[in-house]
Every structure is written in structure tokens, then in C-alpha cells.
N, C-alpha and C. Protein backbone atom coordinates (compact mmCIF):
# COMPACT_ATOMS: atom_id res chain seq x y z
N MET A 1 -48.79 -54.18 43.43
CA MET A 1 -49.33 -53.50 42.30
C MET A 1 -48.30 -53.47 41.15
N SER A 2 -48.80 -53.60 39.97
CA SER A 2 -47.90 -53.46 38.86
C SER A 2 -47.95 -51.99 38.32
N TYR A 3 -46.82 -51.48 38.01
CA TYR A 3 -46.69 -50.16 37.46
C TYR A 3 -46.42 -50.19 35.95
N PHE A 4 -46.66 -51.27 35.34
CA PHE A 4 -46.57 -51.44 33.84
C PHE A 4 -45.18 -51.33 33.31
N MET A 5 -44.21 -51.63 34.19
CA MET A 5 -42.77 -51.63 33.72
C MET A 5 -42.55 -53.00 33.03
N PHE A 6 -41.51 -53.06 32.27
CA PHE A 6 -41.27 -54.23 31.48
C PHE A 6 -40.62 -55.38 32.29
N THR A 7 -40.09 -55.06 33.47
CA THR A 7 -39.47 -56.07 34.29
C THR A 7 -39.90 -55.93 35.73
N ALA A 8 -39.77 -57.03 36.50
CA ALA A 8 -40.03 -57.01 37.91
C ALA A 8 -39.10 -56.00 38.68
N GLU A 9 -37.91 -55.89 38.22
CA GLU A 9 -36.98 -54.93 38.83
C GLU A 9 -37.45 -53.52 38.61
N GLY A 10 -37.95 -53.26 37.35
CA GLY A 10 -38.47 -51.89 37.07
C GLY A 10 -39.72 -51.62 37.88
N ASP A 11 -40.55 -52.56 38.04
CA ASP A 11 -41.77 -52.40 38.89
C ASP A 11 -41.36 -52.08 40.35
N HIS A 12 -40.36 -52.83 40.85
CA HIS A 12 -39.84 -52.59 42.21
C HIS A 12 -39.34 -51.19 42.40
N LEU A 13 -38.58 -50.69 41.46
CA LEU A 13 -38.02 -49.37 41.52
C LEU A 13 -39.13 -48.30 41.49
N VAL A 14 -40.10 -48.50 40.66
CA VAL A 14 -41.21 -47.52 40.57
C VAL A 14 -42.06 -47.61 41.81
N THR A 15 -42.24 -48.76 42.33
CA THR A 15 -42.98 -48.91 43.62
C THR A 15 -42.30 -48.12 44.70
N ARG A 16 -41.01 -48.11 44.81
CA ARG A 16 -40.34 -47.31 45.77
C ARG A 16 -40.54 -45.81 45.56
N ILE A 17 -40.52 -45.41 44.28
CA ILE A 17 -40.76 -44.00 43.95
C ILE A 17 -42.19 -43.61 44.34
N ALA A 18 -43.17 -44.49 44.04
CA ALA A 18 -44.56 -44.20 44.34
C ALA A 18 -44.77 -44.10 45.87
N GLU A 19 -44.18 -44.98 46.60
CA GLU A 19 -44.34 -44.99 48.05
C GLU A 19 -43.76 -43.74 48.64
N ALA A 20 -42.56 -43.34 48.22
CA ALA A 20 -41.88 -42.15 48.78
C ALA A 20 -42.69 -40.91 48.37
N GLY A 21 -43.20 -40.87 47.13
CA GLY A 21 -43.97 -39.74 46.65
C GLY A 21 -45.27 -39.62 47.48
N ALA A 22 -45.85 -40.76 47.83
CA ALA A 22 -47.07 -40.72 48.63
C ALA A 22 -46.79 -40.20 50.02
N LYS A 23 -45.63 -40.58 50.60
CA LYS A 23 -45.32 -40.04 51.94
C LYS A 23 -45.08 -38.56 51.87
N ILE A 24 -44.40 -38.06 50.86
CA ILE A 24 -44.23 -36.64 50.68
C ILE A 24 -45.54 -35.95 50.52
N ALA A 25 -46.47 -36.47 49.70
CA ALA A 25 -47.78 -35.92 49.49
C ALA A 25 -48.59 -35.87 50.76
N ALA A 26 -48.49 -36.87 51.59
CA ALA A 26 -49.27 -36.90 52.78
C ALA A 26 -48.78 -35.84 53.81
N ALA A 27 -47.47 -35.55 53.74
CA ALA A 27 -46.91 -34.58 54.64
C ALA A 27 -46.94 -33.14 54.08
N ASP A 28 -46.73 -33.03 52.79
CA ASP A 28 -46.53 -31.65 52.20
C ASP A 28 -47.50 -31.31 51.09
N GLY A 29 -48.43 -32.19 50.76
CA GLY A 29 -49.35 -31.90 49.70
C GLY A 29 -49.13 -32.63 48.44
N ALA A 30 -50.13 -32.71 47.65
CA ALA A 30 -50.09 -33.47 46.35
C ALA A 30 -49.06 -32.89 45.42
N ARG A 31 -48.97 -31.59 45.29
CA ARG A 31 -48.00 -30.97 44.34
C ARG A 31 -46.57 -31.34 44.69
N ALA A 32 -46.25 -31.31 45.95
CA ALA A 32 -44.83 -31.70 46.36
C ALA A 32 -44.57 -33.08 46.09
N GLY A 33 -45.53 -33.99 46.41
CA GLY A 33 -45.27 -35.40 46.22
C GLY A 33 -45.21 -35.82 44.74
N TRP A 34 -46.09 -35.19 43.97
CA TRP A 34 -46.12 -35.49 42.53
C TRP A 34 -44.92 -34.95 41.80
N THR A 35 -44.52 -33.71 42.13
CA THR A 35 -43.34 -33.14 41.55
C THR A 35 -42.12 -33.96 41.84
N TRP A 36 -41.97 -34.43 43.04
CA TRP A 36 -40.81 -35.26 43.39
C TRP A 36 -40.88 -36.62 42.65
N ALA A 37 -42.02 -37.29 42.66
CA ALA A 37 -42.15 -38.59 42.02
C ALA A 37 -41.91 -38.43 40.48
N HIS A 38 -42.47 -37.39 39.85
CA HIS A 38 -42.29 -37.16 38.43
C HIS A 38 -40.82 -36.98 38.11
N ARG A 39 -40.09 -36.23 38.88
CA ARG A 39 -38.66 -36.04 38.67
C ARG A 39 -37.90 -37.36 38.80
N GLU A 40 -38.25 -38.18 39.79
CA GLU A 40 -37.58 -39.44 39.98
C GLU A 40 -37.88 -40.40 38.83
N LEU A 41 -39.07 -40.39 38.36
CA LEU A 41 -39.39 -41.22 37.16
C LEU A 41 -38.56 -40.76 35.93
N GLN A 42 -38.40 -39.52 35.77
CA GLN A 42 -37.52 -38.97 34.68
C GLN A 42 -36.09 -39.46 34.84
N LYS A 43 -35.60 -39.43 36.08
CA LYS A 43 -34.21 -39.89 36.33
C LYS A 43 -34.10 -41.36 35.99
N LEU A 44 -35.10 -42.12 36.44
CA LEU A 44 -35.07 -43.54 36.20
C LEU A 44 -35.12 -43.88 34.73
N ALA A 45 -35.94 -43.14 33.95
CA ALA A 45 -36.09 -43.33 32.56
C ALA A 45 -34.76 -43.00 31.79
N SER A 46 -34.01 -42.07 32.31
CA SER A 46 -32.81 -41.61 31.63
C SER A 46 -31.68 -42.64 31.84
N GLY A 47 -31.85 -43.56 32.76
CA GLY A 47 -30.88 -44.62 32.99
C GLY A 47 -30.98 -45.71 31.98
N VAL A 48 -30.13 -46.65 32.10
CA VAL A 48 -30.10 -47.76 31.20
C VAL A 48 -31.16 -48.81 31.56
N GLY A 49 -32.03 -49.15 30.65
CA GLY A 49 -32.95 -50.21 30.81
C GLY A 49 -34.33 -49.93 31.39
N PHE A 50 -34.65 -48.63 31.71
CA PHE A 50 -35.92 -48.31 32.28
C PHE A 50 -36.62 -47.15 31.63
N GLY A 51 -36.39 -47.03 30.29
CA GLY A 51 -36.96 -45.93 29.55
C GLY A 51 -38.50 -45.79 29.60
N GLU A 52 -39.15 -46.89 29.90
CA GLU A 52 -40.61 -46.89 30.02
C GLU A 52 -41.07 -46.20 31.27
N ALA A 53 -40.24 -45.77 32.18
CA ALA A 53 -40.67 -45.15 33.47
C ALA A 53 -41.41 -43.85 33.24
N THR A 54 -41.28 -43.25 32.03
CA THR A 54 -42.05 -42.05 31.74
C THR A 54 -43.22 -42.30 30.79
N ASP A 55 -43.51 -43.56 30.53
CA ASP A 55 -44.70 -43.89 29.73
C ASP A 55 -45.91 -43.39 30.45
N THR A 56 -46.96 -43.02 29.76
CA THR A 56 -48.21 -42.49 30.33
C THR A 56 -48.80 -43.43 31.37
N MET A 57 -48.86 -44.71 31.01
CA MET A 57 -49.47 -45.67 31.96
C MET A 57 -48.74 -45.73 33.31
N VAL A 58 -47.43 -45.71 33.25
CA VAL A 58 -46.60 -45.73 34.45
C VAL A 58 -46.86 -44.46 35.30
N ARG A 59 -46.76 -43.33 34.61
CA ARG A 59 -46.94 -42.06 35.32
C ARG A 59 -48.35 -41.94 35.90
N GLU A 60 -49.35 -42.38 35.18
CA GLU A 60 -50.75 -42.29 35.68
C GLU A 60 -50.92 -43.19 36.94
N ALA A 61 -50.30 -44.35 36.96
CA ALA A 61 -50.36 -45.24 38.11
C ALA A 61 -49.75 -44.63 39.31
N VAL A 62 -48.55 -44.05 39.18
CA VAL A 62 -47.83 -43.40 40.27
C VAL A 62 -48.60 -42.18 40.69
N TYR A 63 -49.09 -41.36 39.80
CA TYR A 63 -49.87 -40.17 40.12
C TYR A 63 -51.06 -40.57 40.98
N GLY A 64 -51.78 -41.61 40.62
CA GLY A 64 -52.91 -42.07 41.37
C GLY A 64 -52.59 -42.40 42.81
N ASP A 65 -51.45 -43.06 43.02
CA ASP A 65 -51.03 -43.40 44.36
C ASP A 65 -50.63 -42.16 45.16
N VAL A 66 -49.93 -41.27 44.49
CA VAL A 66 -49.49 -40.06 45.20
C VAL A 66 -50.65 -39.19 45.58
N ILE A 67 -51.60 -39.01 44.69
CA ILE A 67 -52.78 -38.13 44.91
C ILE A 67 -53.65 -38.79 46.02
N ALA A 68 -53.76 -40.11 46.04
CA ALA A 68 -54.55 -40.81 47.01
C ALA A 68 -54.04 -40.53 48.46
N ALA A 69 -52.73 -40.29 48.54
CA ALA A 69 -52.13 -40.10 49.90
C ALA A 69 -52.32 -38.65 50.38
N ALA A 70 -52.60 -37.76 49.46
CA ALA A 70 -52.67 -36.35 49.84
C ALA A 70 -54.10 -35.99 50.16
N GLU A 71 -54.23 -34.88 50.88
CA GLU A 71 -55.60 -34.41 51.17
C GLU A 71 -56.02 -33.31 50.20
N ASP A 72 -55.21 -33.11 49.18
CA ASP A 72 -55.54 -32.18 48.12
C ASP A 72 -55.24 -32.80 46.78
N ALA A 73 -55.22 -32.01 45.71
CA ALA A 73 -54.94 -32.54 44.38
C ALA A 73 -54.03 -31.55 43.63
N CYS A 74 -53.48 -32.02 42.54
CA CYS A 74 -52.76 -31.16 41.67
C CYS A 74 -52.90 -31.68 40.25
N GLU A 75 -52.44 -30.90 39.28
CA GLU A 75 -52.59 -31.27 37.91
C GLU A 75 -51.57 -32.40 37.56
N PHE A 76 -51.93 -33.25 36.61
CA PHE A 76 -51.08 -34.30 36.19
C PHE A 76 -49.89 -33.78 35.43
N TYR A 77 -50.14 -32.85 34.48
CA TYR A 77 -49.02 -32.35 33.67
C TYR A 77 -48.37 -31.17 34.39
N ILE A 78 -47.11 -31.42 34.74
CA ILE A 78 -46.35 -30.37 35.38
C ILE A 78 -45.13 -29.95 34.58
């Protein structure tokens, strides 16, 4: 899946975040998984070369994967 990052490396890094967030969501709920993934996207965006990690399209794609893994839901804006 593409996470709308500008490079393949960026997509790979966001894929890892989405997968880990989904695992957290499956174990501890949507809020825990999304909070963790959101924070990691912010960290990635603050680094060099991946500023788009907090773009809405990227966050929406990751949010969708995290929520799909949970048995509950949480708000997108945290």
C-alpha cells in the first residue's frame, strides 16, 4: 500500500508505523494505537526529508489501517 509519501523509503517507514499502530490497536484499542502512530508520524515529519508524514492524506491512510485492526474506534483529531 502507498501512504502517499514522496519516496519509497518514506512509504516504507510509514508502513512500519501503520503496522505497529495496528498491532497496538488490536491489543489495547483504537485510541492507544492511533495515539502511538500519530506521535510517530510527528517524529518522522520532524526529521530531515519526511515532512509530508503529517499531511492529511498520510495520516488518514494510517488511521484507517489502525482503526481496522481495533474492535472499537476513536476520533481522528487527537
